[in-house]
Every structure is written in structure tokens, then in C-alpha cells.
């Protein structure tokens, strides 16, 4: 959605918090026709050149 930028992880974190907060899953993020009934966890995986990876798990409180 935003490409490879230094702020891509921040954009993903903002998007994930909105998914959890609003409990709405936009079609632009879907990879299939199935939408989750409830969003409790979002896993953000960021990689660069297939070498450097970071994983961030956000959970609903």
C-alpha cells in the first residue's frame, strides 16, 4: 500500500491499530473474499532484500 520507505513500518502499525479499533477490514487489504469476523491480532512482517526481517504483533486489549 505504501511501498518501501523508512516509514513503512509506522504506516503498517497505524493501519493495524485502525483495523483493531474500527473492526472493519477494507477490501484493498484482502487477499481473498473471506473477511475476518473479528480482528484481535495483527502481525506486521517487514523485510528488506530478503535479509533483514522484523515482526510486530499487535493485540486488542
PDB file of N, CA and C in Angstrom:
ATOM      1  N   UNK A   1       0.815  -1.206   0.000  1.00  0.00           N
ATOM      2  CA  UNK A   1       0.000   0.000   0.000  1.00  0.00           C
ATOM      3  C   UNK A   1       0.854   1.263   0.000  1.00  0.00           C
ATOM      4  N   UNK A   2       2.045   1.201   0.574  1.00  0.00           N
ATOM      5  CA  UNK A   2       2.844   2.433   0.627  1.00  0.00           C
ATOM      6  C   UNK A   2       4.227   2.263   0.024  1.00  0.00           C
ATOM      7  N   UNK A   3       4.610   1.066  -0.368  1.00  0.00           N
ATOM      8  CA  UNK A   3       5.920   0.853  -0.968  1.00  0.00           C
ATOM      9  C   UNK A   3       7.005   0.695   0.075  1.00  0.00           C
ATOM     10  N   UNK A   4       8.252   0.693  -0.374  1.00  0.00           N
ATOM     11  CA  UNK A   4       9.394   0.535   0.530  1.00  0.00           C
ATOM     12  C   UNK A   4       9.932   1.906   0.911  1.00  0.00           C
ATOM     13  N   UNK A   5       9.643   2.292   2.123  1.00  0.00           N
ATOM     14  CA  UNK A   5      10.110   3.557   2.667  1.00  0.00           C
ATOM     15  C   UNK A   5      10.547   3.315   4.105  1.00  0.00           C
ATOM     16  N   UNK A   6      11.285   4.267   4.649  1.00  0.00           N
ATOM     17  CA  UNK A   6      11.713   4.161   6.045  1.00  0.00           C
ATOM     18  C   UNK A   6      10.527   4.203   7.006  1.00  0.00           C
ATOM     19  N   UNK A   7       9.419   4.745   6.543  1.00  0.00           N
ATOM     20  CA  UNK A   7       8.237   4.872   7.396  1.00  0.00           C
ATOM     21  C   UNK A   7       7.204   3.776   7.153  1.00  0.00           C
ATOM     22  N   UNK A   8       7.544   2.752   6.372  1.00  0.00           N
ATOM     23  CA  UNK A   8       6.579   1.694   6.043  1.00  0.00           C
ATOM     24  C   UNK A   8       6.085   0.966   7.294  1.00  0.00           C
ATOM     25  N   UNK A   9       6.976   0.706   8.247  1.00  0.00           N
ATOM     26  CA  UNK A   9       6.558   0.028   9.482  1.00  0.00           C
ATOM     27  C   UNK A   9       5.600   0.886  10.288  1.00  0.00           C
ATOM     28  N   UNK A  10       5.837   2.176  10.319  1.00  0.00           N
ATOM     29  CA  UNK A  10       4.939   3.085  11.042  1.00  0.00           C
ATOM     30  C   UNK A  10       3.571   3.119  10.372  1.00  0.00           C
ATOM     31  N   UNK A  11       3.546   3.126   9.051  1.00  0.00           N
ATOM     32  CA  UNK A  11       2.275   3.100   8.325  1.00  0.00           C
ATOM     33  C   UNK A  11       1.527   1.801   8.608  1.00  0.00           C
ATOM     34  N   UNK A  12       2.243   0.691   8.627  1.00  0.00           N
ATOM     35  CA  UNK A  12       1.629  -0.606   8.933  1.00  0.00           C
ATOM     36  C   UNK A  12       1.079  -0.622  10.353  1.00  0.00           C
ATOM     37  N   UNK A  13       1.814  -0.046  11.303  1.00  0.00           N
ATOM     38  CA  UNK A  13       1.343  -0.007  12.684  1.00  0.00           C
ATOM     39  C   UNK A  13       0.087   0.838  12.803  1.00  0.00           C
ATOM     40  N   UNK A  14       0.057   1.982  12.137  1.00  0.00           N
ATOM     41  CA  UNK A  14      -1.134   2.830  12.154  1.00  0.00           C
ATOM     42  C   UNK A  14      -2.315   2.084  11.540  1.00  0.00           C
ATOM     43  N   UNK A  15      -2.103   1.441  10.392  1.00  0.00           N
ATOM     44  CA  UNK A  15      -3.166   0.682   9.733  1.00  0.00           C
ATOM     45  C   UNK A  15      -3.686  -0.429  10.637  1.00  0.00           C
ATOM     46  N   UNK A  16      -2.785  -1.144  11.285  1.00  0.00           N
ATOM     47  CA  UNK A  16      -3.180  -2.241  12.173  1.00  0.00           C
ATOM     48  C   UNK A  16      -3.994  -1.734  13.360  1.00  0.00           C
ATOM     49  N   UNK A  17      -3.586  -0.613  13.932  1.00  0.00           N
ATOM     50  CA  UNK A  17      -4.358  -0.083  15.067  1.00  0.00           C
ATOM     51  C   UNK A  17      -5.759   0.325  14.637  1.00  0.00           C
ATOM     52  N   UNK A  18      -5.893   0.862  13.429  1.00  0.00           N
ATOM     53  CA  UNK A  18      -7.220   1.233  12.918  1.00  0.00           C
ATOM     54  C   UNK A  18      -8.071  -0.008  12.643  1.00  0.00           C
ATOM     55  N   UNK A  19      -7.451  -1.072  12.142  1.00  0.00           N
ATOM     56  CA  UNK A  19      -8.186  -2.320  11.916  1.00  0.00           C
ATOM     57  C   UNK A  19      -8.770  -2.839  13.220  1.00  0.00           C
ATOM     58  N   UNK A  20      -7.943  -2.858  14.259  1.00  0.00           N
ATOM     59  CA  UNK A  20      -8.383  -3.365  15.560  1.00  0.00           C
ATOM     60  C   UNK A  20      -9.419  -2.430  16.178  1.00  0.00           C
ATOM     61  N   UNK A  21      -9.187  -1.140  16.091  1.00  0.00           N
ATOM     62  CA  UNK A  21     -10.091  -0.156  16.686  1.00  0.00           C
ATOM     63  C   UNK A  21     -11.462  -0.146  16.016  1.00  0.00           C
ATOM     64  N   UNK A  22     -11.486  -0.079  14.696  1.00  0.00           N
ATOM     65  CA  UNK A  22     -12.746   0.067  13.957  1.00  0.00           C
ATOM     66  C   UNK A  22     -13.417  -1.267  13.643  1.00  0.00           C
ATOM     67  N   UNK A  23     -12.680  -2.367  13.729  1.00  0.00           N
ATOM     68  CA  UNK A  23     -13.211  -3.697  13.424  1.00  0.00           C
ATOM     69  C   UNK A  23     -13.790  -3.768  12.014  1.00  0.00           C
ATOM     70  N   UNK A  24     -13.138  -3.074  11.083  1.00  0.00           N
ATOM     71  CA  UNK A  24     -13.522  -3.108   9.673  1.00  0.00           C
ATOM     72  C   UNK A  24     -12.301  -3.490   8.864  1.00  0.00           C
ATOM     73  N   UNK A  25     -12.497  -4.384   7.900  1.00  0.00           N
ATOM     74  CA  UNK A  25     -11.407  -4.866   7.072  1.00  0.00           C
ATOM     75  C   UNK A  25     -11.624  -4.386   5.643  1.00  0.00           C
ATOM     76  N   UNK A  26     -10.877  -3.378   5.195  1.00  0.00           N
ATOM     77  CA  UNK A  26     -11.093  -2.841   3.850  1.00  0.00           C
ATOM     78  C   UNK A  26     -10.723  -3.838   2.749  1.00  0.00           C
ATOM     79  N   UNK A  27     -11.436  -3.793   1.656  1.00  0.00           N
ATOM     80  CA  UNK A  27     -11.198  -4.719   0.540  1.00  0.00           C
ATOM     81  C   UNK A  27      -9.801  -4.572  -0.045  1.00  0.00           C
ATOM     82  N   UNK A  28      -9.226  -3.383   0.043  1.00  0.00           N
ATOM     83  CA  UNK A  28      -7.896  -3.151  -0.524  1.00  0.00           C
ATOM     84  C   UNK A  28      -6.825  -3.996   0.181  1.00  0.00           C
ATOM     85  N   UNK A  29      -7.095  -4.427   1.398  1.00  0.00           N
ATOM     86  CA  UNK A  29      -6.145  -5.265   2.142  1.00  0.00           C
ATOM     87  C   UNK A  29      -6.399  -6.755   1.970  1.00  0.00           C
ATOM     88  N   UNK A  30      -7.530  -7.106   1.405  1.00  0.00           N
ATOM     89  CA  UNK A  30      -7.931  -8.515   1.313  1.00  0.00           C
ATOM     90  C   UNK A  30      -7.148  -9.258   0.237  1.00  0.00           C
ATOM     91  N   UNK A  31      -6.799 -10.509   0.565  1.00  0.00           N
ATOM     92  CA  UNK A  31      -6.176 -11.380  -0.432  1.00  0.00           C
ATOM     93  C   UNK A  31      -7.138 -12.480  -0.860  1.00  0.00           C
ATOM     94  N   UNK A  32      -8.313 -12.514  -0.220  1.00  0.00           N
ATOM     95  CA  UNK A  32      -9.370 -13.445  -0.622  1.00  0.00           C
ATOM     96  C   UNK A  32     -10.720 -12.779  -0.348  1.00  0.00           C
ATOM     97  N   UNK A  33     -11.790 -13.486  -0.662  1.00  0.00           N
ATOM     98  CA  UNK A  33     -13.125 -12.934  -0.438  1.00  0.00           C
ATOM     99  C   UNK A  33     -13.579 -13.067   1.007  1.00  0.00           C
ATOM    100  N   UNK A  34     -12.836 -13.802   1.816  1.00  0.00           N
ATOM    101  CA  UNK A  34     -13.210 -14.013   3.212  1.00  0.00           C
ATOM    102  C   UNK A  34     -12.681 -12.871   4.076  1.00  0.00           C
ATOM    103  N   UNK A  35     -13.574 -12.254   4.805  1.00  0.00           N
ATOM    104  CA  UNK A  35     -13.187 -11.196   5.740  1.00  0.00           C
ATOM    105  C   UNK A  35     -13.275 -11.748   7.158  1.00  0.00           C
ATOM    106  N   UNK A  36     -12.373 -11.352   8.034  1.00  0.00           N
ATOM    107  CA  UNK A  36     -12.440 -11.840   9.407  1.00  0.00           C
ATOM    108  C   UNK A  36     -13.679 -11.308  10.116  1.00  0.00           C
ATOM    109  N   UNK A  37     -14.264 -12.125  10.967  1.00  0.00           N
ATOM    110  CA  UNK A  37     -15.450 -11.685  11.707  1.00  0.00           C
ATOM    111  C   UNK A  37     -15.068 -10.761  12.854  1.00  0.00           C
ATOM    112  N   UNK A  38     -13.881 -10.963  13.398  1.00  0.00           N
ATOM    113  CA  UNK A  38     -13.388 -10.118  14.484  1.00  0.00           C
ATOM    114  C   UNK A  38     -11.878 -10.011  14.356  1.00  0.00           C
ATOM    115  N   UNK A  39     -11.339  -8.826  14.600  1.00  0.00           N
ATOM    116  CA  UNK A  39      -9.892  -8.612  14.482  1.00  0.00           C
ATOM    117  C   UNK A  39      -9.337  -8.401  15.884  1.00  0.00           C
ATOM    118  N   UNK A  40      -8.599  -9.384  16.393  1.00  0.00           N
ATOM    119  CA  UNK A  40      -7.993  -9.297  17.720  1.00  0.00           C
ATOM    120  C   UNK A  40      -6.480  -9.141  17.659  1.00  0.00           C
ATOM    121  N   UNK A  41      -5.873  -9.697  16.618  1.00  0.00           N
ATOM    122  CA  UNK A  41      -4.418  -9.671  16.479  1.00  0.00           C
ATOM    123  C   UNK A  41      -4.042  -9.308  15.048  1.00  0.00           C
ATOM    124  N   UNK A  42      -2.979  -8.522  14.920  1.00  0.00           N
ATOM    125  CA  UNK A  42      -2.436  -8.200  13.601  1.00  0.00           C
ATOM    126  C   UNK A  42      -0.921  -8.401  13.680  1.00  0.00           C
ATOM    127  N   UNK A  43      -0.404  -9.208  12.777  1.00  0.00           N
ATOM    128  CA  UNK A  43       1.032  -9.452  12.697  1.00  0.00           C
ATOM    129  C   UNK A  43       1.587  -8.658  11.524  1.00  0.00           C
ATOM    130  N   UNK A  44       2.539  -7.790  11.824  1.00  0.00           N
ATOM    131  CA  UNK A  44       3.203  -6.989  10.804  1.00  0.00           C
ATOM    132  C   UNK A  44       4.570  -7.618  10.546  1.00  0.00           C
ATOM    133  N   UNK A  45       4.820  -7.956   9.287  1.00  0.00           N
ATOM    134  CA  UNK A  45       6.111  -8.510   8.900  1.00  0.00           C
ATOM    135  C   UNK A  45       6.732  -7.544   7.904  1.00  0.00           C
ATOM    136  N   UNK A  46       7.904  -7.051   8.239  1.00  0.00           N
ATOM    137  CA  UNK A  46       8.612  -6.135   7.360  1.00  0.00           C
ATOM    138  C   UNK A  46       9.933  -6.795   6.981  1.00  0.00           C
ATOM    139  N   UNK A  47      10.279  -6.729   5.691  1.00  0.00           N
ATOM    140  CA  UNK A  47      11.546  -7.310   5.257  1.00  0.00           C
ATOM    141  C   UNK A  47      12.204  -6.398   4.249  1.00  0.00           C
ATOM    142  N   UNK A  48      13.516  -6.486   4.197  1.00  0.00           N
ATOM    143  CA  UNK A  48      14.265  -5.705   3.231  1.00  0.00           C
ATOM    144  C   UNK A  48      15.299  -6.605   2.570  1.00  0.00           C
ATOM    145  N   UNK A  49      15.188  -6.742   1.275  1.00  0.00           N
ATOM    146  CA  UNK A  49      16.100  -7.555   0.466  1.00  0.00           C
ATOM    147  C   UNK A  49      16.144  -9.021   0.876  1.00  0.00           C
ATOM    148  N   UNK A  50      15.128  -9.487   1.571  1.00  0.00           N
ATOM    149  CA  UNK A  50      15.087 -10.879   1.993  1.00  0.00           C
ATOM    150  C   UNK A  50      16.131 -11.219   3.038  1.00  0.00           C
ATOM    151  N   UNK A  51      16.745 -10.211   3.638  1.00  0.00           N
ATOM    152  CA  UNK A  51      17.809 -10.434   4.618  1.00  0.00           C
ATOM    153  C   UNK A  51      17.375  -9.968   6.006  1.00  0.00           C
ATOM    154  N   UNK A  52      16.905  -8.739   6.091  1.00  0.00           N
ATOM    155  CA  UNK A  52      16.527  -8.140   7.367  1.00  0.00           C
ATOM    156  C   UNK A  52      15.017  -8.234   7.550  1.00  0.00           C
ATOM    157  N   UNK A  53      14.604  -8.858   8.629  1.00  0.00           N
ATOM    158  CA  UNK A  53      13.186  -9.037   8.928  1.00  0.00           C
ATOM    159  C   UNK A  53      12.860  -8.457  10.292  1.00  0.00           C
ATOM    160  N   UNK A  54      11.670  -7.910  10.411  1.00  0.00           N
ATOM    161  CA  UNK A  54      11.148  -7.523  11.723  1.00  0.00           C
ATOM    162  C   UNK A  54       9.703  -7.992  11.811  1.00  0.00           C
ATOM    163  N   UNK A  55       9.311  -8.395  13.002  1.00  0.00           N
ATOM    164  CA  UNK A  55       7.958  -8.890  13.271  1.00  0.00           C
ATOM    165  C   UNK A  55       7.384  -8.079  14.436  1.00  0.00           C
ATOM    166  N   UNK A  56       6.187  -7.564  14.243  1.00  0.00           N
ATOM    167  CA  UNK A  56       5.496  -6.810  15.285  1.00  0.00           C
ATOM    168  C   UNK A  56       4.089  -7.368  15.404  1.00  0.00           C
ATOM    169  N   UNK A  57       3.730  -7.791  16.608  1.00  0.00           N
ATOM    170  CA  UNK A  57       2.390  -8.338  16.856  1.00  0.00           C
ATOM    171  C   UNK A  57       1.608  -7.339  17.692  1.00  0.00           C
ATOM    172  N   UNK A  58       0.475  -6.903  17.160  1.00  0.00           N
ATOM    173  CA  UNK A  58      -0.427  -6.021  17.903  1.00  0.00           C
ATOM    174  C   UNK A  58      -1.634  -6.836  18.316  1.00  0.00           C
ATOM    175  N   UNK A  59      -2.067  -6.641  19.558  1.00  0.00           N
ATOM    176  CA  UNK A  59      -3.210  -7.374  20.086  1.00  0.00           C
ATOM    177  C   UNK A  59      -4.197  -6.421  20.734  1.00  0.00           C
ATOM    178  N   UNK A  60      -5.450  -6.777  20.622  1.00  0.00           N
ATOM    179  CA  UNK A  60      -6.517  -5.996  21.245  1.00  0.00           C
ATOM    180  C   UNK A  60      -6.470  -6.218  22.754  1.00  0.00           C
ATOM    181  N   UNK A  61      -6.644  -5.158  23.523  1.00  0.00           N
ATOM    182  CA  UNK A  61      -6.651  -5.283  24.992  1.00  0.00           C
ATOM    183  C   UNK A  61      -8.034  -5.551  25.512  1.00  0.00           C
TER     184      UNK A  61
END
